[in-house]
Amino acid sequence: MRNLLLTLTFATISFGGFAQEKLETIVIKTSIACDHCMECNDCGFNIDTQVRKAAGVRKVTINPEENTVEVTYRTDKTTPDEIRLALSKSGFNADDVKADPEAYKKLDGCCKKD
């Protein structure tokens, strides 16, 4: 019985740390040019993959109509600036951070602004 009580106490303390993680959501203005970005590997998949490389990113939602990317992240793991930099590495602008030129060159023609 004592072992069970100790195990439960330890588990409660251990899992209590996870319950305190602080999440925030930011909306980043970007430059999606194509009208099919959610099916396009250069847009949707590429954006999602690059942004998720930033530590602590929990959710990425792309809104091509508004030209925005909404990102929910752990504040103890990353910052909005790191997320913007990760998005720029996918070849797209991220607020005031310009798209990485090399990544932009690799995008399909439909994904580039004229």
N, C-alpha and C. Protein backbone atom coordinates (compact mmCIF):
# COMPACT_ATOMS: atom_id res chain seq x y z
N MET A 1 0.82 -1.19 0.00
CA MET A 1 0.00 0.00 0.00
C MET A 1 0.87 1.26 0.00
N ARG A 2 1.94 1.20 0.78
CA ARG A 2 2.83 2.36 0.85
C ARG A 2 3.48 2.62 -0.51
N ASN A 3 3.88 1.55 -1.20
CA ASN A 3 4.48 1.70 -2.53
C ASN A 3 3.49 2.32 -3.50
N LEU A 4 2.24 1.93 -3.42
CA LEU A 4 1.21 2.47 -4.29
C LEU A 4 1.03 3.97 -4.02
N LEU A 5 1.01 4.33 -2.77
CA LEU A 5 0.85 5.73 -2.39
C LEU A 5 2.05 6.56 -2.89
N LEU A 6 3.25 6.03 -2.73
CA LEU A 6 4.44 6.73 -3.22
C LEU A 6 4.42 6.87 -4.74
N THR A 7 4.00 5.82 -5.42
CA THR A 7 3.92 5.85 -6.88
C THR A 7 2.90 6.89 -7.34
N LEU A 8 1.75 6.92 -6.72
CA LEU A 8 0.72 7.90 -7.09
C LEU A 8 1.18 9.32 -6.80
N THR A 9 1.85 9.53 -5.70
CA THR A 9 2.36 10.85 -5.35
C THR A 9 3.40 11.30 -6.38
N PHE A 10 4.31 10.43 -6.74
CA PHE A 10 5.33 10.75 -7.73
C PHE A 10 4.70 11.05 -9.09
N ALA A 11 3.73 10.24 -9.48
CA ALA A 11 3.06 10.45 -10.76
C ALA A 11 2.34 11.80 -10.79
N THR A 12 1.69 12.14 -9.70
CA THR A 12 0.99 13.42 -9.62
C THR A 12 1.96 14.58 -9.74
N ILE A 13 3.08 14.51 -9.07
CA ILE A 13 4.09 15.57 -9.14
C ILE A 13 4.68 15.64 -10.54
N SER A 14 4.98 14.50 -11.14
CA SER A 14 5.58 14.46 -12.47
C SER A 14 4.65 15.04 -13.52
N PHE A 15 3.40 14.62 -13.52
CA PHE A 15 2.45 15.09 -14.52
C PHE A 15 2.00 16.52 -14.27
N GLY A 16 2.13 16.99 -13.05
CA GLY A 16 1.77 18.37 -12.72
C GLY A 16 2.61 19.37 -13.49
N GLY A 17 3.86 19.03 -13.78
CA GLY A 17 4.72 19.91 -14.56
C GLY A 17 4.23 20.08 -15.98
N PHE A 18 3.66 19.05 -16.55
CA PHE A 18 3.15 19.14 -17.91
C PHE A 18 1.91 20.02 -17.98
N ALA A 19 1.11 20.00 -16.95
CA ALA A 19 -0.13 20.78 -16.94
C ALA A 19 0.16 22.28 -16.90
N GLN A 20 1.37 22.67 -16.54
CA GLN A 20 1.69 24.07 -16.41
C GLN A 20 2.37 24.66 -17.64
N GLU A 21 2.49 23.90 -18.72
CA GLU A 21 3.14 24.45 -19.91
C GLU A 21 2.27 25.58 -20.45
N LYS A 22 2.90 26.68 -20.83
CA LYS A 22 2.18 27.85 -21.29
C LYS A 22 2.18 27.88 -22.82
N LEU A 23 0.99 27.92 -23.39
CA LEU A 23 0.84 27.98 -24.84
C LEU A 23 0.35 29.36 -25.25
N GLU A 24 0.86 29.82 -26.37
CA GLU A 24 0.37 31.06 -26.98
C GLU A 24 0.15 30.80 -28.46
N THR A 25 -0.66 31.63 -29.07
CA THR A 25 -0.94 31.53 -30.49
C THR A 25 -0.63 32.87 -31.14
N ILE A 26 0.09 32.81 -32.26
CA ILE A 26 0.36 34.02 -33.03
C ILE A 26 -0.18 33.83 -34.43
N VAL A 27 -0.52 34.93 -35.08
CA VAL A 27 -0.95 34.91 -36.47
C VAL A 27 0.08 35.69 -37.26
N ILE A 28 0.68 35.01 -38.24
CA ILE A 28 1.75 35.60 -39.04
C ILE A 28 1.23 35.87 -40.44
N LYS A 29 1.41 37.08 -40.91
CA LYS A 29 1.05 37.44 -42.28
C LYS A 29 2.13 36.90 -43.21
N THR A 30 1.70 36.25 -44.28
CA THR A 30 2.66 35.65 -45.21
C THR A 30 2.31 36.02 -46.64
N SER A 31 2.82 35.28 -47.61
CA SER A 31 2.69 35.65 -49.02
C SER A 31 2.34 34.44 -49.88
N ILE A 32 1.27 33.76 -49.55
CA ILE A 32 0.86 32.58 -50.32
C ILE A 32 0.23 33.07 -51.62
N ALA A 33 0.77 32.61 -52.76
CA ALA A 33 0.30 33.10 -54.05
C ALA A 33 -0.67 32.15 -54.74
N CYS A 34 -0.54 30.85 -54.51
CA CYS A 34 -1.39 29.90 -55.24
C CYS A 34 -2.74 29.73 -54.55
N ASP A 35 -3.70 29.22 -55.32
CA ASP A 35 -5.04 29.02 -54.78
C ASP A 35 -5.27 27.57 -54.36
N HIS A 36 -4.22 26.78 -54.37
CA HIS A 36 -4.35 25.36 -54.02
C HIS A 36 -3.27 24.94 -53.01
N CYS A 37 -2.88 25.87 -52.15
CA CYS A 37 -1.72 25.62 -51.28
C CYS A 37 -1.92 24.45 -50.32
N MET A 38 -3.13 24.13 -49.97
CA MET A 38 -3.33 23.03 -49.04
C MET A 38 -3.08 21.67 -49.70
N GLU A 39 -3.08 21.61 -51.02
CA GLU A 39 -2.76 20.38 -51.73
C GLU A 39 -1.34 20.40 -52.30
N CYS A 40 -0.73 21.57 -52.32
CA CYS A 40 0.56 21.76 -52.97
C CYS A 40 1.70 21.47 -51.99
N ASN A 41 2.63 20.60 -52.38
CA ASN A 41 3.76 20.28 -51.50
C ASN A 41 4.65 21.48 -51.22
N ASP A 42 4.73 22.41 -52.14
CA ASP A 42 5.58 23.59 -51.91
C ASP A 42 4.94 24.54 -50.92
N CYS A 43 3.66 24.60 -50.88
CA CYS A 43 3.01 25.55 -49.96
C CYS A 43 2.65 24.88 -48.65
N GLY A 44 1.51 24.26 -48.60
CA GLY A 44 0.99 23.73 -47.35
C GLY A 44 1.93 22.79 -46.62
N PHE A 45 2.39 21.76 -47.27
CA PHE A 45 3.26 20.78 -46.63
C PHE A 45 4.58 21.41 -46.23
N ASN A 46 5.15 22.21 -47.11
CA ASN A 46 6.43 22.85 -46.85
C ASN A 46 6.33 23.82 -45.67
N ILE A 47 5.29 24.63 -45.66
CA ILE A 47 5.10 25.58 -44.55
C ILE A 47 4.96 24.82 -43.25
N ASP A 48 4.08 23.82 -43.24
CA ASP A 48 3.84 23.05 -42.02
C ASP A 48 5.13 22.39 -41.52
N THR A 49 5.86 21.78 -42.42
CA THR A 49 7.10 21.08 -42.06
C THR A 49 8.14 22.04 -41.49
N GLN A 50 8.34 23.16 -42.15
CA GLN A 50 9.36 24.12 -41.70
C GLN A 50 9.00 24.75 -40.36
N VAL A 51 7.75 25.15 -40.21
CA VAL A 51 7.35 25.81 -38.96
C VAL A 51 7.45 24.83 -37.80
N ARG A 52 7.11 23.57 -38.03
CA ARG A 52 7.17 22.58 -36.95
C ARG A 52 8.61 22.25 -36.54
N LYS A 53 9.60 22.70 -37.30
CA LYS A 53 10.99 22.51 -36.90
C LYS A 53 11.36 23.41 -35.72
N ALA A 54 10.59 24.47 -35.51
CA ALA A 54 10.82 25.31 -34.32
C ALA A 54 10.35 24.52 -33.10
N ALA A 55 11.19 24.44 -32.10
CA ALA A 55 10.87 23.67 -30.90
C ALA A 55 9.60 24.19 -30.25
N GLY A 56 8.77 23.27 -29.78
CA GLY A 56 7.59 23.66 -29.01
C GLY A 56 6.37 24.02 -29.83
N VAL A 57 6.45 23.94 -31.15
CA VAL A 57 5.27 24.25 -31.97
C VAL A 57 4.26 23.12 -31.81
N ARG A 58 3.04 23.47 -31.48
CA ARG A 58 1.99 22.48 -31.22
C ARG A 58 0.99 22.37 -32.36
N LYS A 59 0.70 23.49 -33.04
CA LYS A 59 -0.32 23.48 -34.09
C LYS A 59 0.00 24.54 -35.13
N VAL A 60 -0.20 24.18 -36.40
CA VAL A 60 0.01 25.11 -37.51
C VAL A 60 -1.25 25.09 -38.36
N THR A 61 -1.86 26.26 -38.55
CA THR A 61 -3.06 26.37 -39.37
C THR A 61 -2.80 27.42 -40.45
N ILE A 62 -2.92 26.99 -41.70
CA ILE A 62 -2.67 27.87 -42.84
C ILE A 62 -4.00 28.38 -43.37
N ASN A 63 -4.10 29.69 -43.56
CA ASN A 63 -5.30 30.29 -44.11
C ASN A 63 -4.92 31.01 -45.40
N PRO A 64 -5.06 30.34 -46.56
CA PRO A 64 -4.63 30.95 -47.82
C PRO A 64 -5.47 32.15 -48.24
N GLU A 65 -6.74 32.19 -47.82
CA GLU A 65 -7.58 33.33 -48.19
C GLU A 65 -7.11 34.62 -47.51
N GLU A 66 -6.65 34.49 -46.27
CA GLU A 66 -6.18 35.64 -45.51
C GLU A 66 -4.67 35.83 -45.61
N ASN A 67 -3.98 34.88 -46.25
CA ASN A 67 -2.52 34.90 -46.32
C ASN A 67 -1.90 34.94 -44.93
N THR A 68 -2.37 34.05 -44.07
CA THR A 68 -1.84 33.99 -42.71
C THR A 68 -1.53 32.55 -42.32
N VAL A 69 -0.65 32.44 -41.35
CA VAL A 69 -0.33 31.16 -40.72
C VAL A 69 -0.50 31.37 -39.22
N GLU A 70 -1.38 30.58 -38.62
CA GLU A 70 -1.62 30.66 -37.18
C GLU A 70 -0.84 29.54 -36.52
N VAL A 71 -0.03 29.89 -35.53
CA VAL A 71 0.85 28.92 -34.89
C VAL A 71 0.63 28.96 -33.37
N THR A 72 0.35 27.79 -32.80
CA THR A 72 0.26 27.65 -31.35
C THR A 72 1.56 26.99 -30.91
N TYR A 73 2.19 27.57 -29.89
CA TYR A 73 3.52 27.12 -29.48
C TYR A 73 3.71 27.24 -27.98
N ARG A 74 4.69 26.51 -27.47
CA ARG A 74 5.08 26.60 -26.05
C ARG A 74 6.04 27.77 -25.89
N THR A 75 5.71 28.67 -24.99
CA THR A 75 6.53 29.87 -24.80
C THR A 75 7.87 29.57 -24.16
N ASP A 76 7.99 28.42 -23.49
CA ASP A 76 9.28 28.07 -22.88
C ASP A 76 10.22 27.38 -23.86
N LYS A 77 9.74 27.09 -25.06
CA LYS A 77 10.56 26.37 -26.05
C LYS A 77 10.95 27.22 -27.25
N THR A 78 10.15 28.20 -27.62
CA THR A 78 10.44 28.99 -28.81
C THR A 78 9.85 30.39 -28.66
N THR A 79 10.15 31.24 -29.64
CA THR A 79 9.66 32.62 -29.64
C THR A 79 8.99 32.92 -30.97
N PRO A 80 8.20 33.97 -31.03
CA PRO A 80 7.61 34.35 -32.32
C PRO A 80 8.67 34.62 -33.40
N ASP A 81 9.79 35.21 -33.02
CA ASP A 81 10.85 35.48 -34.00
C ASP A 81 11.43 34.19 -34.57
N GLU A 82 11.60 33.17 -33.74
CA GLU A 82 12.10 31.89 -34.23
C GLU A 82 11.09 31.23 -35.17
N ILE A 83 9.81 31.39 -34.87
CA ILE A 83 8.77 30.83 -35.74
C ILE A 83 8.74 31.57 -37.07
N ARG A 84 8.86 32.88 -37.04
CA ARG A 84 8.91 33.66 -38.29
C ARG A 84 10.12 33.25 -39.14
N LEU A 85 11.26 33.05 -38.50
CA LEU A 85 12.45 32.62 -39.23
C LEU A 85 12.23 31.26 -39.86
N ALA A 86 11.62 30.34 -39.12
CA ALA A 86 11.33 29.01 -39.67
C ALA A 86 10.38 29.11 -40.87
N LEU A 87 9.38 29.96 -40.78
CA LEU A 87 8.45 30.14 -41.91
C LEU A 87 9.17 30.72 -43.11
N SER A 88 10.07 31.67 -42.88
CA SER A 88 10.81 32.27 -44.01
C SER A 88 11.68 31.24 -44.71
N LYS A 89 12.13 30.22 -43.98
CA LYS A 89 12.96 29.17 -44.58
C LYS A 89 12.15 28.24 -45.48
N SER A 90 10.83 28.39 -45.47
CA SER A 90 10.00 27.61 -46.39
C SER A 90 9.83 28.33 -47.72
N GLY A 91 10.35 29.57 -47.81
CA GLY A 91 10.28 30.32 -49.05
C GLY A 91 9.20 31.39 -49.06
N PHE A 92 8.60 31.64 -47.91
CA PHE A 92 7.52 32.61 -47.81
C PHE A 92 7.87 33.70 -46.80
N ASN A 93 7.36 34.91 -47.04
CA ASN A 93 7.53 35.99 -46.08
C ASN A 93 6.80 35.65 -44.79
N ALA A 94 7.29 36.19 -43.69
CA ALA A 94 6.67 35.98 -42.38
C ALA A 94 6.66 37.32 -41.66
N ASP A 95 5.54 38.04 -41.77
CA ASP A 95 5.44 39.40 -41.26
C ASP A 95 6.55 40.22 -41.91
N ASP A 96 7.46 40.79 -41.13
CA ASP A 96 8.53 41.62 -41.69
C ASP A 96 9.78 40.84 -42.08
N VAL A 97 9.77 39.53 -41.85
CA VAL A 97 10.92 38.70 -42.21
C VAL A 97 10.73 38.22 -43.65
N LYS A 98 11.66 38.59 -44.51
CA LYS A 98 11.58 38.22 -45.93
C LYS A 98 11.88 36.74 -46.12
N ALA A 99 11.29 36.17 -47.15
CA ALA A 99 11.51 34.76 -47.48
C ALA A 99 12.98 34.52 -47.78
N ASP A 100 13.46 33.36 -47.35
CA ASP A 100 14.83 32.95 -47.66
C ASP A 100 14.95 32.85 -49.19
N PRO A 101 15.89 33.57 -49.81
CA PRO A 101 15.99 33.58 -51.28
C PRO A 101 16.21 32.20 -51.88
N GLU A 102 17.03 31.37 -51.26
CA GLU A 102 17.28 30.03 -51.80
C GLU A 102 16.02 29.16 -51.72
N ALA A 103 15.29 29.26 -50.63
CA ALA A 103 14.05 28.49 -50.48
C ALA A 103 13.01 28.99 -51.48
N TYR A 104 12.96 30.30 -51.69
CA TYR A 104 12.00 30.87 -52.63
C TYR A 104 12.27 30.37 -54.05
N LYS A 105 13.53 30.27 -54.44
CA LYS A 105 13.89 29.79 -55.78
C LYS A 105 13.40 28.37 -56.03
N LYS A 106 13.30 27.56 -54.96
CA LYS A 106 12.91 26.16 -55.09
C LYS A 106 11.39 25.97 -55.19
N LEU A 107 10.61 27.01 -54.92
CA LEU A 107 9.16 26.88 -54.98
C LEU A 107 8.68 26.69 -56.41
N ASP A 108 7.56 26.00 -56.58
CA ASP A 108 6.92 25.90 -57.90
C ASP A 108 6.51 27.30 -58.35
N GLY A 109 6.39 27.48 -59.66
CA GLY A 109 6.02 28.79 -60.21
C GLY A 109 4.69 29.29 -59.67
N CYS A 110 3.74 28.40 -59.41
CA CYS A 110 2.43 28.82 -58.94
C CYS A 110 2.49 29.37 -57.52
N CYS A 111 3.54 29.09 -56.81
CA CYS A 111 3.66 29.51 -55.41
C CYS A 111 4.40 30.84 -55.26
N LYS A 112 4.90 31.36 -56.36
CA LYS A 112 5.66 32.61 -56.30
C LYS A 112 4.78 33.79 -56.67
N LYS A 113 5.00 34.90 -55.97
CA LYS A 113 4.29 36.15 -56.30
C LYS A 113 4.85 36.67 -57.63
N ASP A 114 3.98 37.22 -58.43
CA ASP A 114 4.42 37.79 -59.72
C ASP A 114 5.12 39.10 -59.52
